[in-house]
Amino acid sequence: LASRLRSAGVTVGETRITDKTVSLEERANLSNNGNYDLFVSLHRNSAANQSATGMETFVWKKVSSMELTLANKIQSRVGQIGFVDRGVKEDDFYVIRETYCPAVLVELGFIPNDEDNRIFDTKQETIVNVLAESILEVLQVTPCSKSQYHDVQKGETLYSISKQYQTSVEQLTTWNNLENPDMIYIGQKLKVA
């Protein structure tokens, strides 16, 4: 999801990218210190009852706001994924209450439910599309309709390529998931728009 949003030009921060526990307070602080427009918290739900099923999106308070708009957009597309639609709900979850920007918490099916697990495992691309489309609509970002690529030639640097396509080294690094912007190679295909 982060990669898909970045490719549309959205600046994305992630509270965790490894299997390391990050406290609820740290998550809210990361968002608050980052000056973001939205906070989207993604989860898998749990319940003692194995028949509990479906996808739901939580807001802190149901008011006319960006978070409610985002929650409704996400839930309106649940049918595309295949989860049971549990709707938009209000709750007092720490990360959506303590985050300064508009925030939603999305529960992507129940872990104890075999059918929800099947949907989650087989429809990951659809889940990403639903979330990305909803977020981009709320942010009013129109992704480029066609990506453009460049084949690296001898003597080119990321800087020279960035000037050729009127973008930045940072943007090229993000679009292409480059660990080191100084290390590109002849024949490498780089996304440039």
N, C-alpha and C. Protein backbone atom coordinates (compact mmCIF):
# COMPACT_ATOMS: atom_id res chain seq x y z
N LEU A 1 0.84 -1.20 0.00
CA LEU A 1 0.00 0.00 0.00
C LEU A 1 0.88 1.25 0.00
N ALA A 2 1.91 1.25 0.84
CA ALA A 2 2.80 2.41 0.90
C ALA A 2 3.45 2.65 -0.45
N SER A 3 3.90 1.60 -1.09
CA SER A 3 4.53 1.72 -2.41
C SER A 3 3.55 2.25 -3.45
N ARG A 4 2.33 1.75 -3.42
CA ARG A 4 1.31 2.19 -4.37
C ARG A 4 1.01 3.68 -4.18
N LEU A 5 0.90 4.13 -2.93
CA LEU A 5 0.64 5.55 -2.66
C LEU A 5 1.83 6.41 -3.06
N ARG A 6 3.03 5.93 -2.75
CA ARG A 6 4.23 6.69 -3.14
C ARG A 6 4.30 6.85 -4.66
N SER A 7 3.93 5.81 -5.39
CA SER A 7 4.00 5.89 -6.85
C SER A 7 3.01 6.91 -7.40
N ALA A 8 2.01 7.27 -6.60
CA ALA A 8 1.05 8.30 -7.01
C ALA A 8 1.49 9.69 -6.55
N GLY A 9 2.67 9.74 -5.90
CA GLY A 9 3.21 11.03 -5.47
C GLY A 9 2.89 11.41 -4.04
N VAL A 10 2.32 10.49 -3.27
CA VAL A 10 1.96 10.77 -1.88
C VAL A 10 3.16 10.48 -0.98
N THR A 11 3.44 11.38 -0.04
CA THR A 11 4.48 11.14 0.96
C THR A 11 3.88 10.22 2.02
N VAL A 12 4.55 9.08 2.26
CA VAL A 12 4.03 8.08 3.19
C VAL A 12 5.04 7.82 4.29
N GLY A 13 4.57 7.83 5.52
CA GLY A 13 5.38 7.40 6.66
C GLY A 13 4.78 6.10 7.17
N GLU A 14 5.62 5.23 7.67
CA GLU A 14 5.13 3.95 8.19
C GLU A 14 5.55 3.82 9.64
N THR A 15 4.60 3.46 10.50
CA THR A 15 4.93 3.32 11.92
C THR A 15 5.76 2.09 12.18
N ARG A 16 5.63 1.08 11.30
CA ARG A 16 6.45 -0.11 11.48
C ARG A 16 6.56 -0.87 10.18
N ILE A 17 7.80 -1.24 9.84
CA ILE A 17 8.05 -1.99 8.61
C ILE A 17 8.74 -3.32 8.90
N THR A 18 8.98 -3.58 10.18
CA THR A 18 9.55 -4.87 10.60
C THR A 18 8.65 -5.43 11.70
N ASP A 19 8.90 -6.66 12.08
CA ASP A 19 8.10 -7.30 13.13
C ASP A 19 8.61 -6.88 14.50
N LYS A 20 8.51 -5.59 14.76
CA LYS A 20 8.96 -5.01 16.02
C LYS A 20 7.78 -4.26 16.64
N THR A 21 7.56 -4.49 17.91
CA THR A 21 6.44 -3.83 18.59
C THR A 21 6.69 -2.34 18.69
N VAL A 22 5.68 -1.58 18.31
CA VAL A 22 5.70 -0.12 18.45
C VAL A 22 4.48 0.23 19.28
N SER A 23 4.70 0.92 20.39
CA SER A 23 3.58 1.22 21.29
C SER A 23 2.56 2.12 20.60
N LEU A 24 1.35 2.12 21.13
CA LEU A 24 0.30 2.98 20.58
C LEU A 24 0.70 4.44 20.67
N GLU A 25 1.32 4.82 21.78
CA GLU A 25 1.78 6.20 21.95
C GLU A 25 2.84 6.55 20.91
N GLU A 26 3.78 5.64 20.66
CA GLU A 26 4.82 5.89 19.65
C GLU A 26 4.19 6.05 18.26
N ARG A 27 3.19 5.25 17.97
CA ARG A 27 2.53 5.33 16.66
C ARG A 27 1.88 6.69 16.46
N ALA A 28 1.14 7.14 17.48
CA ALA A 28 0.50 8.45 17.39
C ALA A 28 1.55 9.56 17.30
N ASN A 29 2.62 9.44 18.08
CA ASN A 29 3.68 10.46 18.06
C ASN A 29 4.37 10.53 16.71
N LEU A 30 4.63 9.37 16.10
CA LEU A 30 5.24 9.36 14.77
C LEU A 30 4.37 10.13 13.78
N SER A 31 3.08 9.91 13.86
CA SER A 31 2.17 10.61 12.96
C SER A 31 2.14 12.10 13.28
N ASN A 32 2.00 12.43 14.54
CA ASN A 32 1.89 13.83 14.93
C ASN A 32 3.16 14.62 14.62
N ASN A 33 4.31 13.99 14.73
CA ASN A 33 5.57 14.68 14.44
C ASN A 33 5.85 14.76 12.94
N GLY A 34 5.12 13.98 12.15
CA GLY A 34 5.35 13.94 10.70
C GLY A 34 4.51 14.90 9.90
N ASN A 35 3.57 15.59 10.52
CA ASN A 35 2.73 16.56 9.81
C ASN A 35 2.01 15.92 8.61
N TYR A 36 1.33 14.80 8.84
CA TYR A 36 0.64 14.08 7.77
C TYR A 36 -0.80 14.55 7.63
N ASP A 37 -1.39 14.29 6.45
CA ASP A 37 -2.78 14.66 6.18
C ASP A 37 -3.76 13.60 6.65
N LEU A 38 -3.31 12.34 6.70
CA LEU A 38 -4.17 11.22 7.12
C LEU A 38 -3.35 10.22 7.92
N PHE A 39 -4.03 9.49 8.79
CA PHE A 39 -3.42 8.37 9.51
C PHE A 39 -4.34 7.18 9.28
N VAL A 40 -3.79 6.11 8.71
CA VAL A 40 -4.56 4.90 8.43
C VAL A 40 -3.90 3.75 9.17
N SER A 41 -4.61 3.16 10.10
CA SER A 41 -4.09 2.06 10.91
C SER A 41 -4.72 0.76 10.43
N LEU A 42 -3.89 -0.17 9.94
CA LEU A 42 -4.38 -1.42 9.36
C LEU A 42 -4.19 -2.58 10.32
N HIS A 43 -5.23 -3.39 10.47
CA HIS A 43 -5.22 -4.50 11.44
C HIS A 43 -5.95 -5.71 10.90
N ARG A 44 -5.73 -6.84 11.55
CA ARG A 44 -6.58 -8.02 11.42
C ARG A 44 -7.32 -8.13 12.74
N ASN A 45 -8.60 -8.41 12.69
CA ASN A 45 -9.45 -8.46 13.88
C ASN A 45 -9.32 -9.81 14.59
N SER A 46 -9.75 -9.85 15.85
CA SER A 46 -9.71 -11.08 16.62
C SER A 46 -11.00 -11.21 17.42
N ALA A 47 -11.39 -12.45 17.66
CA ALA A 47 -12.58 -12.72 18.48
C ALA A 47 -12.51 -14.16 18.94
N ALA A 48 -13.06 -14.43 20.10
CA ALA A 48 -13.11 -15.81 20.59
C ALA A 48 -14.03 -16.66 19.72
N ASN A 49 -15.06 -16.03 19.18
CA ASN A 49 -16.04 -16.71 18.34
C ASN A 49 -15.46 -16.86 16.93
N GLN A 50 -15.21 -18.08 16.49
CA GLN A 50 -14.61 -18.30 15.17
C GLN A 50 -15.55 -17.96 14.02
N SER A 51 -16.82 -17.75 14.30
CA SER A 51 -17.74 -17.38 13.23
C SER A 51 -17.78 -15.87 13.00
N ALA A 52 -17.11 -15.09 13.87
CA ALA A 52 -17.04 -13.64 13.65
C ALA A 52 -16.34 -13.39 12.33
N THR A 53 -16.93 -12.53 11.49
CA THR A 53 -16.41 -12.36 10.14
C THR A 53 -16.61 -10.93 9.67
N GLY A 54 -15.77 -10.52 8.73
CA GLY A 54 -16.00 -9.25 8.05
C GLY A 54 -14.96 -8.18 8.27
N MET A 55 -15.17 -7.10 7.52
CA MET A 55 -14.27 -5.94 7.53
C MET A 55 -15.04 -4.75 8.07
N GLU A 56 -14.37 -3.98 8.90
CA GLU A 56 -14.99 -2.78 9.46
C GLU A 56 -13.95 -1.68 9.58
N THR A 57 -14.42 -0.44 9.53
CA THR A 57 -13.54 0.72 9.63
C THR A 57 -14.04 1.59 10.77
N PHE A 58 -13.08 1.99 11.62
CA PHE A 58 -13.42 2.76 12.81
C PHE A 58 -12.95 4.21 12.70
N VAL A 59 -13.79 5.10 13.23
CA VAL A 59 -13.44 6.50 13.42
C VAL A 59 -13.61 6.80 14.90
N TRP A 60 -13.00 7.89 15.36
CA TRP A 60 -13.13 8.22 16.77
C TRP A 60 -14.51 8.78 17.07
N LYS A 61 -14.93 9.74 16.28
CA LYS A 61 -16.28 10.30 16.44
C LYS A 61 -16.91 10.44 15.07
N LYS A 62 -18.15 10.06 14.96
CA LYS A 62 -18.85 10.17 13.67
C LYS A 62 -19.32 11.61 13.47
N VAL A 63 -18.42 12.40 12.94
CA VAL A 63 -18.75 13.78 12.62
C VAL A 63 -18.50 13.97 11.13
N SER A 64 -19.00 15.04 10.58
CA SER A 64 -18.77 15.32 9.16
C SER A 64 -17.31 15.72 9.00
N SER A 65 -16.47 14.78 8.59
CA SER A 65 -15.04 15.05 8.54
C SER A 65 -14.36 14.16 7.51
N MET A 66 -13.06 14.44 7.31
CA MET A 66 -12.28 13.68 6.35
C MET A 66 -12.19 12.22 6.74
N GLU A 67 -12.08 11.94 8.05
CA GLU A 67 -11.96 10.53 8.45
C GLU A 67 -13.24 9.75 8.20
N LEU A 68 -14.36 10.39 8.38
CA LEU A 68 -15.63 9.71 8.11
C LEU A 68 -15.80 9.50 6.61
N THR A 69 -15.39 10.48 5.82
CA THR A 69 -15.43 10.33 4.36
C THR A 69 -14.56 9.17 3.92
N LEU A 70 -13.33 9.09 4.47
CA LEU A 70 -12.42 8.00 4.12
C LEU A 70 -13.00 6.65 4.56
N ALA A 71 -13.50 6.58 5.78
CA ALA A 71 -14.07 5.33 6.29
C ALA A 71 -15.22 4.86 5.40
N ASN A 72 -16.09 5.78 5.01
CA ASN A 72 -17.22 5.42 4.15
C ASN A 72 -16.76 4.97 2.76
N LYS A 73 -15.73 5.63 2.21
CA LYS A 73 -15.20 5.23 0.90
C LYS A 73 -14.63 3.81 0.97
N ILE A 74 -13.86 3.53 2.03
CA ILE A 74 -13.28 2.20 2.19
C ILE A 74 -14.39 1.16 2.30
N GLN A 75 -15.33 1.39 3.18
CA GLN A 75 -16.40 0.40 3.41
C GLN A 75 -17.31 0.23 2.20
N SER A 76 -17.44 1.28 1.37
CA SER A 76 -18.30 1.17 0.19
C SER A 76 -17.71 0.21 -0.84
N ARG A 77 -16.42 -0.11 -0.68
CA ARG A 77 -15.74 -1.00 -1.64
C ARG A 77 -15.49 -2.40 -1.08
N VAL A 78 -16.00 -2.69 0.09
CA VAL A 78 -15.76 -3.99 0.71
C VAL A 78 -16.21 -5.14 -0.19
N GLY A 79 -17.29 -4.94 -0.92
CA GLY A 79 -17.79 -5.98 -1.81
C GLY A 79 -16.79 -6.39 -2.87
N GLN A 80 -15.93 -5.46 -3.29
CA GLN A 80 -14.89 -5.79 -4.27
C GLN A 80 -13.91 -6.81 -3.70
N ILE A 81 -13.71 -6.75 -2.39
CA ILE A 81 -12.75 -7.66 -1.74
C ILE A 81 -13.40 -9.00 -1.44
N GLY A 82 -14.63 -8.97 -0.94
CA GLY A 82 -15.32 -10.21 -0.61
C GLY A 82 -15.61 -10.39 0.86
N PHE A 83 -15.10 -9.49 1.70
CA PHE A 83 -15.39 -9.56 3.13
C PHE A 83 -16.85 -9.20 3.40
N VAL A 84 -17.41 -9.71 4.47
CA VAL A 84 -18.70 -9.25 4.96
C VAL A 84 -18.51 -7.80 5.40
N ASP A 85 -19.44 -6.93 5.05
CA ASP A 85 -19.36 -5.51 5.39
C ASP A 85 -19.92 -5.27 6.79
N ARG A 86 -19.05 -4.99 7.74
CA ARG A 86 -19.47 -4.71 9.12
C ARG A 86 -19.68 -3.22 9.36
N GLY A 87 -19.41 -2.41 8.32
CA GLY A 87 -19.73 -0.99 8.39
C GLY A 87 -18.69 -0.10 9.04
N VAL A 88 -19.05 1.18 9.09
CA VAL A 88 -18.23 2.20 9.75
C VAL A 88 -18.73 2.30 11.18
N LYS A 89 -17.78 2.28 12.11
CA LYS A 89 -18.15 2.31 13.53
C LYS A 89 -17.33 3.36 14.26
N GLU A 90 -17.88 3.81 15.35
CA GLU A 90 -17.19 4.76 16.22
C GLU A 90 -16.62 4.01 17.41
N ASP A 91 -15.35 4.31 17.75
CA ASP A 91 -14.75 3.69 18.93
C ASP A 91 -13.65 4.61 19.46
N ASP A 92 -13.17 4.29 20.63
CA ASP A 92 -12.21 5.13 21.34
C ASP A 92 -10.81 4.53 21.28
N PHE A 93 -10.38 4.06 20.10
CA PHE A 93 -9.05 3.49 19.96
C PHE A 93 -7.99 4.59 20.09
N TYR A 94 -6.94 4.29 20.83
CA TYR A 94 -5.91 5.27 21.15
C TYR A 94 -5.35 5.97 19.90
N VAL A 95 -4.96 5.19 18.89
CA VAL A 95 -4.27 5.79 17.74
C VAL A 95 -5.16 6.72 16.92
N ILE A 96 -6.47 6.47 16.89
CA ILE A 96 -7.32 7.39 16.14
C ILE A 96 -7.80 8.55 17.01
N ARG A 97 -7.75 8.37 18.31
CA ARG A 97 -8.12 9.46 19.22
C ARG A 97 -6.97 10.44 19.42
N GLU A 98 -5.74 9.94 19.50
CA GLU A 98 -4.59 10.77 19.86
C GLU A 98 -3.80 11.29 18.67
N THR A 99 -4.22 10.94 17.47
CA THR A 99 -3.54 11.42 16.27
C THR A 99 -4.16 12.74 15.86
N TYR A 100 -3.31 13.73 15.59
CA TYR A 100 -3.81 15.07 15.26
C TYR A 100 -4.54 15.13 13.93
N CYS A 101 -4.05 14.41 12.95
CA CYS A 101 -4.68 14.46 11.63
C CYS A 101 -5.89 13.52 11.59
N PRO A 102 -6.73 13.64 10.58
CA PRO A 102 -7.85 12.70 10.45
C PRO A 102 -7.33 11.26 10.42
N ALA A 103 -7.99 10.36 11.17
CA ALA A 103 -7.48 9.00 11.33
C ALA A 103 -8.59 7.97 11.27
N VAL A 104 -8.27 6.83 10.65
CA VAL A 104 -9.19 5.68 10.63
C VAL A 104 -8.40 4.44 11.01
N LEU A 105 -9.12 3.45 11.54
CA LEU A 105 -8.55 2.15 11.86
C LEU A 105 -9.36 1.11 11.09
N VAL A 106 -8.67 0.34 10.25
CA VAL A 106 -9.34 -0.62 9.38
C VAL A 106 -9.03 -2.04 9.86
N GLU A 107 -10.08 -2.81 10.11
CA GLU A 107 -9.94 -4.22 10.50
C GLU A 107 -10.23 -5.07 9.26
N LEU A 108 -9.19 -5.73 8.75
CA LEU A 108 -9.27 -6.50 7.51
C LEU A 108 -9.57 -7.96 7.80
N GLY A 109 -10.77 -8.23 8.26
CA GLY A 109 -11.20 -9.60 8.52
C GLY A 109 -10.72 -10.11 9.88
N PHE A 110 -11.28 -11.26 10.26
CA PHE A 110 -10.98 -11.87 11.56
C PHE A 110 -9.98 -13.01 11.42
N ILE A 111 -8.92 -12.97 12.21
CA ILE A 111 -7.89 -14.00 12.16
C ILE A 111 -8.43 -15.40 12.46
N PRO A 112 -9.36 -15.58 13.43
CA PRO A 112 -9.85 -16.95 13.70
C PRO A 112 -10.79 -17.51 12.63
N ASN A 113 -11.20 -16.69 11.66
CA ASN A 113 -12.17 -17.12 10.66
C ASN A 113 -11.46 -17.60 9.39
N ASP A 114 -11.66 -18.85 9.03
CA ASP A 114 -10.98 -19.44 7.87
C ASP A 114 -11.30 -18.70 6.57
N GLU A 115 -12.56 -18.32 6.37
CA GLU A 115 -12.94 -17.64 5.13
C GLU A 115 -12.31 -16.25 5.06
N ASP A 116 -12.28 -15.53 6.18
CA ASP A 116 -11.63 -14.22 6.19
C ASP A 116 -10.14 -14.36 5.89
N ASN A 117 -9.51 -15.40 6.42
CA ASN A 117 -8.09 -15.63 6.14
C ASN A 117 -7.87 -15.95 4.66
N ARG A 118 -8.76 -16.74 4.08
CA ARG A 118 -8.65 -17.06 2.65
C ARG A 118 -8.75 -15.79 1.82
N ILE A 119 -9.72 -14.95 2.14
CA ILE A 119 -9.89 -13.69 1.41
C ILE A 119 -8.65 -12.82 1.58
N PHE A 120 -8.17 -12.68 2.80
CA PHE A 120 -7.00 -11.84 3.06
C PHE A 120 -5.78 -12.34 2.29
N ASP A 121 -5.59 -13.66 2.29
CA ASP A 121 -4.41 -14.24 1.63
C ASP A 121 -4.48 -14.18 0.11
N THR A 122 -5.67 -14.29 -0.46
CA THR A 122 -5.78 -14.37 -1.93
C THR A 122 -6.15 -13.05 -2.59
N LYS A 123 -6.58 -12.06 -1.81
CA LYS A 123 -7.04 -10.80 -2.41
C LYS A 123 -6.19 -9.60 -1.97
N GLN A 124 -4.92 -9.84 -1.71
CA GLN A 124 -4.07 -8.75 -1.22
C GLN A 124 -4.01 -7.58 -2.20
N GLU A 125 -3.89 -7.86 -3.49
CA GLU A 125 -3.82 -6.79 -4.48
C GLU A 125 -5.13 -5.99 -4.50
N THR A 126 -6.25 -6.67 -4.39
CA THR A 126 -7.54 -5.99 -4.36
C THR A 126 -7.66 -5.12 -3.10
N ILE A 127 -7.19 -5.65 -1.97
CA ILE A 127 -7.21 -4.87 -0.72
C ILE A 127 -6.40 -3.60 -0.89
N VAL A 128 -5.19 -3.73 -1.45
CA VAL A 128 -4.34 -2.56 -1.67
C VAL A 128 -5.04 -1.57 -2.59
N ASN A 129 -5.66 -2.05 -3.67
CA ASN A 129 -6.36 -1.16 -4.60
C ASN A 129 -7.49 -0.41 -3.92
N VAL A 130 -8.29 -1.12 -3.14
CA VAL A 130 -9.42 -0.49 -2.44
C VAL A 130 -8.93 0.60 -1.49
N LEU A 131 -7.92 0.27 -0.70
CA LEU A 131 -7.39 1.25 0.26
C LEU A 131 -6.75 2.43 -0.47
N ALA A 132 -5.92 2.14 -1.47
CA ALA A 132 -5.22 3.21 -2.19
C ALA A 132 -6.20 4.13 -2.90
N GLU A 133 -7.18 3.56 -3.61
CA GLU A 133 -8.16 4.38 -4.32
C GLU A 133 -8.93 5.27 -3.35
N SER A 134 -9.31 4.72 -2.21
CA SER A 134 -10.06 5.50 -1.22
C SER A 134 -9.21 6.65 -0.67
N ILE A 135 -7.97 6.34 -0.33
CA ILE A 135 -7.07 7.37 0.22
C ILE A 135 -6.80 8.45 -0.83
N LEU A 136 -6.50 8.05 -2.05
CA LEU A 136 -6.20 9.02 -3.11
C LEU A 136 -7.40 9.92 -3.40
N GLU A 137 -8.60 9.36 -3.37
CA GLU A 137 -9.80 10.17 -3.59
C GLU A 137 -9.97 11.20 -2.48
N VAL A 138 -9.78 10.78 -1.24
CA VAL A 138 -9.94 11.72 -0.12
C VAL A 138 -8.87 12.81 -0.16
N LEU A 139 -7.65 12.43 -0.53
CA LEU A 139 -6.57 13.42 -0.64
C LEU A 139 -6.67 14.24 -1.92
N GLN A 140 -7.58 13.85 -2.81
CA GLN A 140 -7.77 14.49 -4.11
C GLN A 140 -6.48 14.47 -4.94
N VAL A 141 -5.86 13.28 -4.94
CA VAL A 141 -4.65 13.05 -5.72
C VAL A 141 -5.02 12.17 -6.91
N THR A 142 -4.66 12.61 -8.08
CA THR A 142 -4.89 11.82 -9.28
C THR A 142 -3.57 11.20 -9.70
N PRO A 143 -3.45 9.88 -9.59
CA PRO A 143 -2.20 9.26 -9.99
C PRO A 143 -2.00 9.37 -11.49
N CYS A 144 -0.74 9.35 -11.90
CA CYS A 144 -0.43 9.37 -13.34
C CYS A 144 -1.11 8.18 -13.98
N SER A 145 -1.77 8.41 -15.10
CA SER A 145 -2.48 7.33 -15.75
C SER A 145 -1.54 6.31 -16.38
N LYS A 146 -0.33 6.75 -16.72
CA LYS A 146 0.61 5.83 -17.34
C LYS A 146 2.00 6.08 -16.76
N SER A 147 2.59 5.05 -16.20
CA SER A 147 3.94 5.17 -15.70
C SER A 147 4.90 5.24 -16.86
N GLN A 148 5.99 5.97 -16.66
CA GLN A 148 7.01 6.09 -17.68
C GLN A 148 8.31 5.52 -17.12
N TYR A 149 9.06 4.82 -17.95
CA TYR A 149 10.30 4.18 -17.52
C TYR A 149 11.46 4.62 -18.38
N HIS A 150 12.65 4.52 -17.82
CA HIS A 150 13.89 4.90 -18.51
C HIS A 150 14.90 3.78 -18.35
N ASP A 151 15.55 3.39 -19.45
CA ASP A 151 16.62 2.41 -19.40
C ASP A 151 17.94 3.16 -19.19
N VAL A 152 18.62 2.84 -18.11
CA VAL A 152 19.87 3.53 -17.76
C VAL A 152 20.94 3.24 -18.82
N GLN A 153 21.58 4.32 -19.28
CA GLN A 153 22.64 4.23 -20.29
C GLN A 153 24.00 4.49 -19.63
N LYS A 154 25.06 4.11 -20.31
CA LYS A 154 26.42 4.31 -19.80
C LYS A 154 26.65 5.79 -19.51
N GLY A 155 27.21 6.08 -18.34
CA GLY A 155 27.54 7.44 -17.94
C GLY A 155 26.42 8.19 -17.25
N GLU A 156 25.22 7.65 -17.21
CA GLU A 156 24.11 8.35 -16.56
C GLU A 156 24.17 8.16 -15.04
N THR A 157 23.70 9.16 -14.35
CA THR A 157 23.55 9.10 -12.89
C THR A 157 22.08 9.36 -12.57
N LEU A 158 21.70 9.06 -11.36
CA LEU A 158 20.32 9.34 -10.95
C LEU A 158 20.04 10.84 -11.05
N TYR A 159 21.06 11.64 -10.76
CA TYR A 159 20.90 13.10 -10.85
C TYR A 159 20.62 13.53 -12.30
N SER A 160 21.42 13.01 -13.25
CA SER A 160 21.21 13.40 -14.66
C SER A 160 19.85 12.92 -15.17
N ILE A 161 19.42 11.74 -14.71
CA ILE A 161 18.11 11.22 -15.12
C ILE A 161 17.00 12.08 -14.51
N SER A 162 17.18 12.50 -13.26
CA SER A 162 16.16 13.34 -12.61
C SER A 162 15.98 14.65 -13.35
N LYS A 163 17.08 15.23 -13.83
CA LYS A 163 16.99 16.49 -14.58
C LYS A 163 16.30 16.27 -15.93
N GLN A 164 16.59 15.14 -16.57
CA GLN A 164 16.00 14.84 -17.87
C GLN A 164 14.48 14.74 -17.78
N TYR A 165 13.97 14.19 -16.65
CA TYR A 165 12.53 13.99 -16.50
C TYR A 165 11.89 14.99 -15.55
N GLN A 166 12.62 16.02 -15.19
CA GLN A 166 12.12 17.10 -14.32
C GLN A 166 11.50 16.57 -13.04
N THR A 167 12.27 15.73 -12.36
CA THR A 167 11.86 15.20 -11.07
C THR A 167 13.07 15.31 -10.14
N SER A 168 13.02 14.69 -8.99
CA SER A 168 14.14 14.77 -8.04
C SER A 168 14.78 13.40 -7.84
N VAL A 169 16.02 13.42 -7.38
CA VAL A 169 16.71 12.18 -7.03
C VAL A 169 15.92 11.45 -5.95
N GLU A 170 15.39 12.20 -4.98
CA GLU A 170 14.61 11.60 -3.89
C GLU A 170 13.38 10.88 -4.43
N GLN A 171 12.68 11.51 -5.39
CA GLN A 171 11.48 10.89 -5.95
C GLN A 171 11.83 9.63 -6.72
N LEU A 172 12.90 9.68 -7.52
CA LEU A 172 13.33 8.49 -8.26
C LEU A 172 13.73 7.37 -7.30
N THR A 173 14.41 7.74 -6.22
CA THR A 173 14.81 6.75 -5.21
C THR A 173 13.59 6.07 -4.61
N THR A 174 12.56 6.86 -4.29
CA THR A 174 11.33 6.32 -3.71
C THR A 174 10.58 5.45 -4.71
N TRP A 175 10.37 5.96 -5.92
CA TRP A 175 9.61 5.22 -6.93
C TRP A 175 10.23 3.87 -7.24
N ASN A 176 11.57 3.79 -7.16
CA ASN A 176 12.27 2.59 -7.57
C ASN A 176 12.80 1.77 -6.40
N ASN A 177 12.41 2.17 -5.18
CA ASN A 177 12.84 1.45 -3.96
C ASN A 177 14.35 1.22 -3.95
N LEU A 178 15.09 2.28 -4.27
CA LEU A 178 16.55 2.17 -4.31
C LEU A 178 17.12 2.35 -2.91
N GLU A 179 17.96 1.42 -2.49
CA GLU A 179 18.61 1.54 -1.18
C GLU A 179 19.72 2.58 -1.23
N ASN A 180 20.42 2.64 -2.36
CA ASN A 180 21.52 3.58 -2.52
C ASN A 180 21.37 4.28 -3.86
N PRO A 181 21.04 5.58 -3.87
CA PRO A 181 20.83 6.28 -5.13
C PRO A 181 22.10 6.41 -5.98
N ASP A 182 23.27 6.14 -5.40
CA ASP A 182 24.52 6.21 -6.15
C ASP A 182 24.81 4.92 -6.90
N MET A 183 23.98 3.89 -6.70
CA MET A 183 24.26 2.60 -7.31
C MET A 183 23.14 2.22 -8.29
N ILE A 184 23.26 2.68 -9.51
CA ILE A 184 22.39 2.24 -10.59
C ILE A 184 23.30 1.60 -11.64
N TYR A 185 22.73 0.81 -12.52
CA TYR A 185 23.56 0.09 -13.48
C TYR A 185 22.99 0.20 -14.90
N ILE A 186 23.87 0.03 -15.86
CA ILE A 186 23.50 0.11 -17.28
C ILE A 186 22.42 -0.94 -17.57
N GLY A 187 21.37 -0.52 -18.25
CA GLY A 187 20.28 -1.42 -18.60
C GLY A 187 19.18 -1.50 -17.55
N GLN A 188 19.41 -0.92 -16.38
CA GLN A 188 18.39 -0.93 -15.32
C GLN A 188 17.19 -0.11 -15.79
N LYS A 189 16.00 -0.62 -15.55
CA LYS A 189 14.77 0.07 -15.93
C LYS A 189 14.28 0.83 -14.69
N LEU A 190 14.22 2.14 -14.79
CA LEU A 190 13.81 2.99 -13.67
C LEU A 190 12.48 3.66 -13.98
N LYS A 191 11.60 3.69 -13.01
CA LYS A 191 10.36 4.44 -13.14
C LYS A 191 10.70 5.90 -12.98
N VAL A 192 10.27 6.72 -13.95
CA VAL A 192 10.61 8.14 -13.93
C VAL A 192 9.38 9.05 -13.90
N ALA A 193 8.20 8.48 -14.03
CA ALA A 193 6.96 9.27 -13.95
C ALA A 193 5.80 8.32 -13.69
